[in-house]
Amino acid sequence: MKYGMGYAYWGNTWECDLEKYRKVGKKLADFGFDMFEISADHLYHMSDADVEGLGEMAKEYGLTLSTNSGPAKQYDFASADPAVRQNGLAYFTKVLKRMDIIGSPVLAGAIYSFWPTDFVETDKEAAWERSIPMLREVGKIAEGYGIECALEVLNRNETYILTDCKEAIEYCDRIGSKAVNILLDTYHMNIEEDDMCDAIRQAGNRNLLGHFHVGENNRKLPGMNNSLDWAGIGQALRDVHYDKGVVMEPFLHNGGAVGYDVRVWRDLSGGADIATQDEYLKTSLAFLKEKFEG
């Protein structure tokens, strides 16, 4: 397994530039991480020079870059407006091309719609009918680059389209692309799955588990409150011979765009400064490796 971390852990903003990515990348490499999760939207808007610089940074620090997307509404593959769906296809075509440049092997997230959703529309059947053909097109492009698209299964408060592993398997079966698979997240599974270890095995035994996010029941770092059966989760991953990304996605800070979007209404860090958060992170990585490697 490749242990990774998202870029937004230390603050409450989604904003990030190449300089910040370099600083965080060096820190993660020094701490012993294998993977660094970046933003698809940043990649889309970067200059060509910064895209090259991002790839060079990853090589310098020996990090694999996973690319995470919570698309804006203007790129919604489930939209009733064909122009919006085509806009989304153009958007992800550019993202995938740039992922190829930086050697990013996986596009992860709720790319089947937009995030955060507003729940103005909740017709699941219609959303599937509109988004599945678009993801077939994305799958064709991704296959050409050797990139996987891992569709994130979210909880009921963040989407109505894919909320458990069983739905996601059916959805991927209907897409029918070897490049399109599933992202499971322990935070979301904790809310939606009857048995998250069984969900891991369901996806893994179908060769559909493409990416994995980890966090406690309240999105703290793994091990901070030990609310989940981490040893059982690790065993389930080993049972299906999972060897891809295991990316921490903690959100500890209220305020700002991050606090609002993920609904963090109080400080979950214990008033930690950056140095203390670094220690939290190193402790969590050691905890995960112990639990997941058996």
C-alpha atoms as a PDB file:
ATOM      1  CA  MET A   1       0.000   0.000   0.000  1.00  0.00           C
ATOM      2  CA  LYS A   2       1.075   3.559  -0.684  1.00  0.00           C
ATOM      3  CA  TYR A   3       0.412   5.839   2.278  1.00  0.00           C
ATOM      4  CA  GLY A   4      -0.640   9.345   1.365  1.00  0.00           C
ATOM      5  CA  MET A   5      -1.891  12.655   2.674  1.00  0.00           C
ATOM      6  CA  GLY A   6      -3.988  15.525   1.356  1.00  0.00           C
ATOM      7  CA  TYR A   7      -2.579  19.032   1.035  1.00  0.00           C
ATOM      8  CA  ALA A   8      -5.252  20.915   3.058  1.00  0.00           C
ATOM      9  CA  TYR A   9      -4.554  19.431   6.522  1.00  0.00           C
ATOM     10  CA  TRP A  10      -2.746  22.398   8.075  1.00  0.00           C
ATOM     11  CA  GLY A  11      -5.376  25.074   7.533  1.00  0.00           C
ATOM     12  CA  ASN A  12      -8.926  25.848   6.481  1.00  0.00           C
ATOM     13  CA  THR A  13      -8.453  26.916   2.868  1.00  0.00           C
ATOM     14  CA  TRP A  14      -8.509  24.943  -0.380  1.00  0.00           C
ATOM     15  CA  GLU A  15      -6.104  27.481  -1.891  1.00  0.00           C
ATOM     16  CA  CYS A  16      -2.684  26.131  -2.849  1.00  0.00           C
ATOM     17  CA  ASP A  17       0.097  27.043  -5.257  1.00  0.00           C
ATOM     18  CA  LEU A  18       3.267  25.351  -6.435  1.00  0.00           C
ATOM     19  CA  GLU A  19       5.379  26.819  -3.627  1.00  0.00           C
ATOM     20  CA  LYS A  20       3.018  25.433  -0.984  1.00  0.00           C
ATOM     21  CA  TYR A  21       2.864  22.072  -2.739  1.00  0.00           C
ATOM     22  CA  ARG A  22       6.677  21.939  -2.636  1.00  0.00           C
ATOM     23  CA  LYS A  23       6.788  22.715   1.087  1.00  0.00           C
ATOM     24  CA  VAL A  24       4.137  20.141   1.932  1.00  0.00           C
ATOM     25  CA  GLY A  25       5.674  17.564  -0.413  1.00  0.00           C
ATOM     26  CA  LYS A  26       9.050  17.834   1.286  1.00  0.00           C
ATOM     27  CA  LYS A  27       7.428  17.491   4.694  1.00  0.00           C
ATOM     28  CA  LEU A  28       5.471  14.395   3.680  1.00  0.00           C
ATOM     29  CA  ALA A  29       8.545  12.779   2.145  1.00  0.00           C
ATOM     30  CA  ASP A  30      10.532  13.488   5.323  1.00  0.00           C
ATOM     31  CA  PHE A  31       7.764  11.894   7.403  1.00  0.00           C
ATOM     32  CA  GLY A  32       7.816   8.709   5.311  1.00  0.00           C
ATOM     33  CA  PHE A  33       4.759   9.130   3.079  1.00  0.00           C
ATOM     34  CA  ASP A  34       4.627   7.585  -0.395  1.00  0.00           C
ATOM     35  CA  MET A  35       1.751   9.562  -1.899  1.00  0.00           C
ATOM     36  CA  PHE A  36       0.641  13.192  -1.976  1.00  0.00           C
ATOM     37  CA  GLU A  37      -2.975  14.029  -2.893  1.00  0.00           C
ATOM     38  CA  ILE A  38      -3.337  17.208  -4.914  1.00  0.00           C
ATOM     39  CA  SER A  39      -6.333  19.106  -6.297  1.00  0.00           C
ATOM     40  CA  ALA A  40      -7.596  18.464  -9.820  1.00  0.00           C
ATOM     41  CA  ASP A  41      -8.834  22.046  -9.990  1.00  0.00           C
ATOM     42  CA  HIS A  42      -5.403  23.418  -9.102  1.00  0.00           C
ATOM     43  CA  LEU A  43      -3.908  21.206 -11.797  1.00  0.00           C
ATOM     44  CA  TYR A  44      -6.484  22.446 -14.318  1.00  0.00           C
ATOM     45  CA  HIS A  45      -5.731  26.129 -13.649  1.00  0.00           C
ATOM     46  CA  MET A  46      -1.932  25.944 -13.257  1.00  0.00           C
ATOM     47  CA  SER A  47       0.385  27.365 -15.871  1.00  0.00           C
ATOM     48  CA  ASP A  48       2.228  24.849 -18.024  1.00  0.00           C
ATOM     49  CA  ALA A  49       5.442  25.732 -16.177  1.00  0.00           C
ATOM     50  CA  ASP A  50       3.867  25.060 -12.781  1.00  0.00           C
ATOM     51  CA  VAL A  51       2.496  21.729 -13.985  1.00  0.00           C
ATOM     52  CA  GLU A  52       6.023  20.743 -14.987  1.00  0.00           C
ATOM     53  CA  GLY A  53       7.290  22.003 -11.627  1.00  0.00           C
ATOM     54  CA  LEU A  54       4.743  19.900  -9.764  1.00  0.00           C
ATOM     55  CA  GLY A  55       5.888  16.781 -11.580  1.00  0.00           C
ATOM     56  CA  GLU A  56       9.522  17.623 -10.863  1.00  0.00           C
ATOM     57  CA  MET A  57       8.725  18.083  -7.167  1.00  0.00           C
ATOM     58  CA  ALA A  58       7.117  14.653  -7.003  1.00  0.00           C
ATOM     59  CA  LYS A  59      10.160  13.039  -8.614  1.00  0.00           C
ATOM     60  CA  GLU A  60      12.568  14.916  -6.335  1.00  0.00           C
ATOM     61  CA  TYR A  61      10.805  13.707  -3.182  1.00  0.00           C
ATOM     62  CA  GLY A  62       9.904  10.248  -4.447  1.00  0.00           C
ATOM     63  CA  LEU A  63       6.159  10.865  -4.113  1.00  0.00           C
ATOM     64  CA  THR A  64       3.311   9.518  -6.221  1.00  0.00           C
ATOM     65  CA  LEU A  65       0.711  12.221  -6.863  1.00  0.00           C
ATOM     66  CA  SER A  66      -2.926  11.215  -6.577  1.00  0.00           C
ATOM     67  CA  THR A  67      -5.396  13.771  -7.923  1.00  0.00           C
ATOM     68  CA  ASN A  68      -8.601  14.549  -6.038  1.00  0.00           C
ATOM     69  CA  SER A  69     -11.642  16.263  -7.527  1.00  0.00           C
ATOM     70  CA  GLY A  70     -14.781  17.734  -6.028  1.00  0.00           C
ATOM     71  CA  PRO A  71     -16.009  19.304  -9.278  1.00  0.00           C
ATOM     72  CA  ALA A  72     -17.765  22.642  -9.462  1.00  0.00           C
ATOM     73  CA  LYS A  73     -21.408  22.671 -10.522  1.00  0.00           C
ATOM     74  CA  GLN A  74     -20.446  23.974 -13.968  1.00  0.00           C
ATOM     75  CA  TYR A  75     -18.821  20.561 -14.652  1.00  0.00           C
ATOM     76  CA  ASP A  76     -21.702  18.409 -13.383  1.00  0.00           C
ATOM     77  CA  PHE A  77     -21.936  15.122 -15.314  1.00  0.00           C
ATOM     78  CA  ALA A  78     -25.406  14.529 -13.823  1.00  0.00           C
ATOM     79  CA  SER A  79     -26.765  17.891 -15.001  1.00  0.00           C
ATOM     80  CA  ALA A  80     -29.944  17.966 -17.072  1.00  0.00           C
ATOM     81  CA  ASP A  81     -28.183  20.503 -19.312  1.00  0.00           C
ATOM     82  CA  PRO A  82     -26.116  18.764 -22.055  1.00  0.00           C
ATOM     83  CA  ALA A  83     -23.867  21.838 -22.316  1.00  0.00           C
ATOM     84  CA  VAL A  84     -22.870  21.495 -18.658  1.00  0.00           C
ATOM     85  CA  ARG A  85     -22.082  17.815 -19.154  1.00  0.00           C
ATOM     86  CA  GLN A  86     -19.917  18.605 -22.178  1.00  0.00           C
ATOM     87  CA  ASN A  87     -18.195  21.335 -20.172  1.00  0.00           C
ATOM     88  CA  GLY A  88     -17.383  18.693 -17.587  1.00  0.00           C
ATOM     89  CA  LEU A  89     -15.945  16.413 -20.242  1.00  0.00           C
ATOM     90  CA  ALA A  90     -13.674  19.187 -21.529  1.00  0.00           C
ATOM     91  CA  TYR A  91     -12.601  19.952 -17.959  1.00  0.00           C
ATOM     92  CA  PHE A  92     -11.640  16.373 -17.116  1.00  0.00           C
ATOM     93  CA  THR A  93     -10.003  15.867 -20.510  1.00  0.00           C
ATOM     94  CA  LYS A  94      -7.566  18.658 -19.618  1.00  0.00           C
ATOM     95  CA  VAL A  95      -7.103  17.366 -16.060  1.00  0.00           C
ATOM     96  CA  LEU A  96      -6.264  13.864 -17.311  1.00  0.00           C
ATOM     97  CA  LYS A  97      -3.810  15.210 -19.875  1.00  0.00           C
ATOM     98  CA  ARG A  98      -2.016  17.139 -17.149  1.00  0.00           C
ATOM     99  CA  MET A  99      -2.110  14.136 -14.828  1.00  0.00           C
ATOM    100  CA  ASP A 100      -0.237  12.220 -17.494  1.00  0.00           C
ATOM    101  CA  ILE A 101       2.421  14.944 -17.554  1.00  0.00           C
ATOM    102  CA  ILE A 102       3.028  14.710 -13.786  1.00  0.00           C
ATOM    103  CA  GLY A 103       2.701  10.918 -13.634  1.00  0.00           C
ATOM    104  CA  SER A 104      -0.438  10.891 -11.484  1.00  0.00           C
ATOM    105  CA  PRO A 105      -2.008   7.400 -11.707  1.00  0.00           C
ATOM    106  CA  VAL A 106      -5.430   8.039 -10.162  1.00  0.00           C
ATOM    107  CA  LEU A 107      -8.187  10.646 -10.411  1.00  0.00           C
ATOM    108  CA  ALA A 108     -10.263  10.282  -7.256  1.00  0.00           C
ATOM    109  CA  GLY A 109     -13.450  11.905  -6.042  1.00  0.00           C
ATOM    110  CA  ALA A 110     -17.126  12.513  -6.745  1.00  0.00           C
ATOM    111  CA  ILE A 111     -16.504  13.201 -10.422  1.00  0.00           C
ATOM    112  CA  TYR A 112     -19.923  11.801 -11.355  1.00  0.00           C
ATOM    113  CA  SER A 113     -21.577  15.065 -10.248  1.00  0.00           C
ATOM    114  CA  PHE A 114     -20.459  18.133  -8.275  1.00  0.00           C
ATOM    115  CA  TRP A 115     -19.350  18.791  -4.711  1.00  0.00           C
ATOM    116  CA  PRO A 116     -20.532  20.086  -2.327  1.00  0.00           C
ATOM    117  CA  THR A 117     -23.942  19.195  -3.695  1.00  0.00           C
ATOM    118  CA  ASP A 118     -26.914  21.472  -3.096  1.00  0.00           C
ATOM    119  CA  PHE A 119     -29.609  18.751  -3.292  1.00  0.00           C
ATOM    120  CA  VAL A 120     -31.751  20.897  -5.600  1.00  0.00           C
ATOM    121  CA  GLU A 121     -32.089  17.750  -7.718  1.00  0.00           C
ATOM    122  CA  THR A 122     -32.348  14.305  -6.084  1.00  0.00           C
ATOM    123  CA  ASP A 123     -33.590  12.060  -8.892  1.00  0.00           C
ATOM    124  CA  LYS A 124     -31.019   9.280  -8.635  1.00  0.00           C
ATOM    125  CA  GLU A 125     -32.225   7.331 -11.669  1.00  0.00           C
ATOM    126  CA  ALA A 126     -32.001  10.419 -13.884  1.00  0.00           C
ATOM    127  CA  ALA A 127     -28.564  11.292 -12.470  1.00  0.00           C
ATOM    128  CA  TRP A 128     -27.301   7.801 -13.291  1.00  0.00           C
ATOM    129  CA  GLU A 129     -28.735   7.913 -16.809  1.00  0.00           C
ATOM    130  CA  ARG A 130     -27.034  11.223 -17.543  1.00  0.00           C
ATOM    131  CA  SER A 131     -23.690  10.693 -15.799  1.00  0.00           C
ATOM    132  CA  ILE A 132     -22.878   7.110 -16.820  1.00  0.00           C
ATOM    133  CA  PRO A 133     -22.398   7.889 -20.549  1.00  0.00           C
ATOM    134  CA  MET A 134     -20.108  10.795 -19.606  1.00  0.00           C
ATOM    135  CA  LEU A 135     -17.987   8.554 -17.414  1.00  0.00           C
ATOM    136  CA  ARG A 136     -17.702   6.061 -20.252  1.00  0.00           C
ATOM    137  CA  GLU A 137     -16.118   8.883 -22.270  1.00  0.00           C
ATOM    138  CA  VAL A 138     -13.834   9.833 -19.390  1.00  0.00           C
ATOM    139  CA  GLY A 139     -12.903   6.164 -19.026  1.00  0.00           C
ATOM    140  CA  LYS A 140     -11.810   5.983 -22.673  1.00  0.00           C
ATOM    141  CA  ILE A 141      -9.545   8.993 -22.226  1.00  0.00           C
ATOM    142  CA  ALA A 142      -8.156   7.688 -18.930  1.00  0.00           C
ATOM    143  CA  GLU A 143      -7.430   4.272 -20.459  1.00  0.00           C
ATOM    144  CA  GLY A 144      -5.300   5.968 -23.103  1.00  0.00           C
ATOM    145  CA  TYR A 145      -3.124   7.492 -20.391  1.00  0.00           C
ATOM    146  CA  GLY A 146      -3.079   4.436 -18.117  1.00  0.00           C
ATOM    147  CA  ILE A 147      -4.923   6.406 -15.425  1.00  0.00           C
ATOM    148  CA  GLU A 148      -7.653   5.063 -13.126  1.00  0.00           C
ATOM    149  CA  CYS A 149     -10.751   7.062 -12.142  1.00  0.00           C
ATOM    150  CA  ALA A 150     -11.863   6.114  -8.635  1.00  0.00           C
ATOM    151  CA  LEU A 151     -15.431   7.260  -7.930  1.00  0.00           C
ATOM    152  CA  GLU A 152     -15.876   8.301  -4.320  1.00  0.00           C
ATOM    153  CA  VAL A 153     -18.775   6.821  -2.386  1.00  0.00           C
ATOM    154  CA  LEU A 154     -20.070   9.605  -0.128  1.00  0.00           C
ATOM    155  CA  ASN A 155     -22.506   9.722   2.747  1.00  0.00           C
ATOM    156  CA  ARG A 156     -26.131  10.830   2.492  1.00  0.00           C
ATOM    157  CA  ASN A 157     -25.305  14.391   3.558  1.00  0.00           C
ATOM    158  CA  GLU A 158     -22.885  14.924   0.652  1.00  0.00           C
ATOM    159  CA  THR A 159     -24.571  13.143  -2.274  1.00  0.00           C
ATOM    160  CA  TYR A 160     -27.619  11.151  -3.281  1.00  0.00           C
ATOM    161  CA  ILE A 161     -25.964   9.434  -6.249  1.00  0.00           C
ATOM    162  CA  LEU A 162     -23.521   6.896  -4.747  1.00  0.00           C
ATOM    163  CA  THR A 163     -23.867   6.299  -1.009  1.00  0.00           C
ATOM    164  CA  ASP A 164     -22.698   2.719  -0.487  1.00  0.00           C
ATOM    165  CA  CYS A 165     -20.371   0.191  -2.042  1.00  0.00           C
ATOM    166  CA  LYS A 166     -23.161  -1.942  -3.489  1.00  0.00           C
ATOM    167  CA  GLU A 167     -24.486   1.012  -5.477  1.00  0.00           C
ATOM    168  CA  ALA A 168     -21.001   1.913  -6.635  1.00  0.00           C
ATOM    169  CA  ILE A 169     -20.357  -1.606  -7.943  1.00  0.00           C
ATOM    170  CA  GLU A 170     -23.592  -1.530  -9.943  1.00  0.00           C
ATOM    171  CA  TYR A 171     -22.737   1.939 -11.258  1.00  0.00           C
ATOM    172  CA  CYS A 172     -19.246   0.849 -12.365  1.00  0.00           C
ATOM    173  CA  ASP A 173     -20.684  -2.268 -13.986  1.00  0.00           C
ATOM    174  CA  ARG A 174     -22.979  -0.072 -16.070  1.00  0.00           C
ATOM    175  CA  ILE A 175     -20.060   2.150 -17.107  1.00  0.00           C
ATOM    176  CA  GLY A 176     -18.090  -0.904 -18.166  1.00  0.00           C
ATOM    177  CA  SER A 177     -14.636   0.705 -18.323  1.00  0.00           C
ATOM    178  CA  LYS A 178     -11.533  -0.946 -16.896  1.00  0.00           C
ATOM    179  CA  ALA A 179     -10.295   2.560 -16.015  1.00  0.00           C
ATOM    180  CA  VAL A 180     -13.275   3.404 -13.791  1.00  0.00           C
ATOM    181  CA  ASN A 181     -13.486   1.953 -10.286  1.00  0.00           C
ATOM    182  CA  ILE A 182     -14.310   2.872  -6.681  1.00  0.00           C
ATOM    183  CA  LEU A 183     -12.926   5.052  -3.915  1.00  0.00           C
ATOM    184  CA  LEU A 184     -14.030   3.954  -0.449  1.00  0.00           C
ATOM    185  CA  ASP A 185     -13.572   6.265   2.537  1.00  0.00           C
ATOM    186  CA  THR A 186     -13.733   5.102   6.150  1.00  0.00           C
ATOM    187  CA  TYR A 187     -15.503   8.302   7.253  1.00  0.00           C
ATOM    188  CA  HIS A 188     -18.318   7.871   4.745  1.00  0.00           C
ATOM    189  CA  MET A 189     -18.476   4.083   5.212  1.00  0.00           C
ATOM    190  CA  ASN A 190     -18.831   4.580   8.963  1.00  0.00           C
ATOM    191  CA  ILE A 191     -22.127   6.346   8.244  1.00  0.00           C
ATOM    192  CA  GLU A 192     -23.505   4.276   5.360  1.00  0.00           C
ATOM    193  CA  GLU A 193     -22.185   0.710   5.373  1.00  0.00           C
ATOM    194  CA  ASP A 194     -23.602  -2.078   7.535  1.00  0.00           C
ATOM    195  CA  ASP A 195     -20.105  -3.582   7.602  1.00  0.00           C
ATOM    196  CA  MET A 196     -17.266  -1.517   6.154  1.00  0.00           C
ATOM    197  CA  CYS A 197     -14.862  -4.466   6.120  1.00  0.00           C
ATOM    198  CA  ASP A 198     -17.358  -6.435   4.052  1.00  0.00           C
ATOM    199  CA  ALA A 199     -17.702  -3.447   1.688  1.00  0.00           C
ATOM    200  CA  ILE A 200     -13.929  -3.408   1.194  1.00  0.00           C
ATOM    201  CA  ARG A 201     -14.001  -7.103   0.351  1.00  0.00           C
ATOM    202  CA  GLN A 202     -16.945  -6.659  -2.028  1.00  0.00           C
ATOM    203  CA  ALA A 203     -15.119  -4.009  -4.039  1.00  0.00           C
ATOM    204  CA  GLY A 204     -11.723  -5.674  -3.772  1.00  0.00           C
ATOM    205  CA  ASN A 205     -12.925  -9.100  -4.834  1.00  0.00           C
ATOM    206  CA  ARG A 206     -14.384  -7.506  -7.963  1.00  0.00           C
ATOM    207  CA  ASN A 207     -11.049  -5.743  -8.626  1.00  0.00           C
ATOM    208  CA  LEU A 208     -12.902  -2.450  -8.276  1.00  0.00           C
ATOM    209  CA  LEU A 209     -11.154  -0.891  -5.258  1.00  0.00           C
ATOM    210  CA  GLY A 210      -9.055   1.795  -6.897  1.00  0.00           C
ATOM    211  CA  HIS A 211      -8.311   4.201  -4.045  1.00  0.00           C
ATOM    212  CA  PHE A 212      -8.884   4.404  -0.287  1.00  0.00           C
ATOM    213  CA  HIS A 213      -9.349   7.351   2.078  1.00  0.00           C
ATOM    214  CA  VAL A 214      -8.904   7.056   5.825  1.00  0.00           C
ATOM    215  CA  GLY A 215     -10.133   9.129   8.740  1.00  0.00           C
ATOM    216  CA  GLU A 216     -11.874   8.634  12.052  1.00  0.00           C
ATOM    217  CA  ASN A 217     -15.651   8.807  12.488  1.00  0.00           C
ATOM    218  CA  ASN A 218     -15.400  12.595  12.893  1.00  0.00           C
ATOM    219  CA  ARG A 219     -12.644  13.051  10.280  1.00  0.00           C
ATOM    220  CA  LYS A 220      -9.768  13.230  12.723  1.00  0.00           C
ATOM    221  CA  LEU A 221      -6.517  11.493  11.814  1.00  0.00           C
ATOM    222  CA  PRO A 222      -6.547   7.692  12.045  1.00  0.00           C
ATOM    223  CA  GLY A 223      -5.755   6.698  15.603  1.00  0.00           C
ATOM    224  CA  MET A 224      -6.597  10.057  17.189  1.00  0.00           C
ATOM    225  CA  ASN A 225      -9.702   8.642  18.843  1.00  0.00           C
ATOM    226  CA  ASN A 226      -9.559   5.037  17.573  1.00  0.00           C
ATOM    227  CA  SER A 227     -13.292   5.054  16.834  1.00  0.00           C
ATOM    228  CA  LEU A 228     -13.072   2.484  14.032  1.00  0.00           C
ATOM    229  CA  ASP A 229     -11.910  -1.126  13.765  1.00  0.00           C
ATOM    230  CA  TRP A 230      -8.607  -0.207  12.152  1.00  0.00           C
ATOM    231  CA  ALA A 231      -7.118  -3.688  12.529  1.00  0.00           C
ATOM    232  CA  GLY A 232     -10.195  -5.165  10.845  1.00  0.00           C
ATOM    233  CA  ILE A 233     -10.014  -2.609   8.048  1.00  0.00           C
ATOM    234  CA  GLY A 234      -6.358  -3.449   7.517  1.00  0.00           C
ATOM    235  CA  GLN A 235      -7.145  -7.165   7.413  1.00  0.00           C
ATOM    236  CA  ALA A 236      -9.886  -6.587   4.832  1.00  0.00           C
ATOM    237  CA  LEU A 237      -7.454  -4.660   2.640  1.00  0.00           C
ATOM    238  CA  ARG A 238      -4.884  -7.438   2.928  1.00  0.00           C
ATOM    239  CA  ASP A 239      -7.552 -10.036   2.171  1.00  0.00           C
ATOM    240  CA  VAL A 240      -8.134  -8.441  -1.251  1.00  0.00           C
ATOM    241  CA  HIS A 241      -4.390  -7.852  -1.817  1.00  0.00           C
ATOM    242  CA  TYR A 242      -4.890  -4.100  -1.979  1.00  0.00           C
ATOM    243  CA  ASP A 243      -1.659  -2.339  -2.981  1.00  0.00           C
ATOM    244  CA  LYS A 244      -2.775   1.156  -4.033  1.00  0.00           C
ATOM    245  CA  GLY A 245      -3.237   4.463  -2.241  1.00  0.00           C
ATOM    246  CA  VAL A 246      -4.275   4.770   1.395  1.00  0.00           C
ATOM    247  CA  VAL A 247      -4.700   8.515   1.767  1.00  0.00           C
ATOM    248  CA  MET A 248      -5.470  10.353   4.994  1.00  0.00           C
ATOM    249  CA  GLU A 249      -8.134  13.033   4.594  1.00  0.00           C
ATOM    250  CA  PRO A 250      -8.386  14.708   8.009  1.00  0.00           C
ATOM    251  CA  PHE A 251     -10.192  17.980   8.647  1.00  0.00           C
ATOM    252  CA  LEU A 252      -9.476  19.470  12.058  1.00  0.00           C
ATOM    253  CA  HIS A 253     -10.040  23.204  11.621  1.00  0.00           C
ATOM    254  CA  ASN A 254     -13.268  25.170  11.601  1.00  0.00           C
ATOM    255  CA  GLY A 255     -13.663  28.355   9.604  1.00  0.00           C
ATOM    256  CA  GLY A 256     -12.757  29.170   6.037  1.00  0.00           C
ATOM    257  CA  ALA A 257     -13.909  27.349   2.925  1.00  0.00           C
ATOM    258  CA  VAL A 258     -12.724  23.958   4.176  1.00  0.00           C
ATOM    259  CA  GLY A 259     -14.517  24.256   7.519  1.00  0.00           C
ATOM    260  CA  TYR A 260     -17.720  25.275   5.756  1.00  0.00           C
ATOM    261  CA  ASP A 261     -17.617  22.691   2.979  1.00  0.00           C
ATOM    262  CA  VAL A 262     -16.910  19.723   5.282  1.00  0.00           C
ATOM    263  CA  ARG A 263     -19.058  21.103   8.116  1.00  0.00           C
ATOM    264  CA  VAL A 264     -16.417  21.473  10.834  1.00  0.00           C
ATOM    265  CA  TRP A 265     -17.981  23.835  13.368  1.00  0.00           C
ATOM    266  CA  ARG A 266     -15.418  23.597  16.181  1.00  0.00           C
ATOM    267  CA  ASP A 267     -11.684  23.152  16.504  1.00  0.00           C
ATOM    268  CA  LEU A 268     -10.884  19.420  16.452  1.00  0.00           C
ATOM    269  CA  SER A 269      -7.114  19.900  16.694  1.00  0.00           C
ATOM    270  CA  GLY A 270      -6.992  20.669  20.413  1.00  0.00           C
ATOM    271  CA  GLY A 271      -5.583  24.089  19.622  1.00  0.00           C
ATOM    272  CA  ALA A 272      -2.574  22.517  17.914  1.00  0.00           C
ATOM    273  CA  ASP A 273       0.078  24.622  16.230  1.00  0.00           C
ATOM    274  CA  ILE A 274       1.800  23.447  13.046  1.00  0.00           C
ATOM    275  CA  ALA A 275       4.558  21.592  14.901  1.00  0.00           C
ATOM    276  CA  THR A 276       1.988  19.713  16.985  1.00  0.00           C
ATOM    277  CA  GLN A 277      -0.038  18.876  13.884  1.00  0.00           C
ATOM    278  CA  ASP A 278       3.145  17.492  12.341  1.00  0.00           C
ATOM    279  CA  GLU A 279       3.556  15.206  15.342  1.00  0.00           C
ATOM    280  CA  TYR A 280      -0.088  14.123  15.072  1.00  0.00           C
ATOM    281  CA  LEU A 281       0.566  13.221  11.455  1.00  0.00           C
ATOM    282  CA  LYS A 282       3.717  11.205  12.118  1.00  0.00           C
ATOM    283  CA  THR A 283       1.977   9.327  14.944  1.00  0.00           C
ATOM    284  CA  SER A 284      -1.001   8.568  12.704  1.00  0.00           C
ATOM    285  CA  LEU A 285       1.194   7.228   9.902  1.00  0.00           C
ATOM    286  CA  ALA A 286       2.936   4.855  12.323  1.00  0.00           C
ATOM    287  CA  PHE A 287      -0.468   3.793  13.676  1.00  0.00           C
ATOM    288  CA  LEU A 288      -1.826   3.042  10.207  1.00  0.00           C
ATOM    289  CA  LYS A 289       1.196   1.037   9.166  1.00  0.00           C
ATOM    290  CA  GLU A 290       0.959  -1.055  12.315  1.00  0.00           C
ATOM    291  CA  LYS A 291      -2.740  -1.765  11.790  1.00  0.00           C
ATOM    292  CA  PHE A 292      -2.660  -2.252   8.018  1.00  0.00           C
ATOM    293  CA  GLU A 293       0.516  -4.250   7.598  1.00  0.00           C
ATOM    294  CA  GLY A 294      -0.384  -6.864  10.220  1.00  0.00           C
END
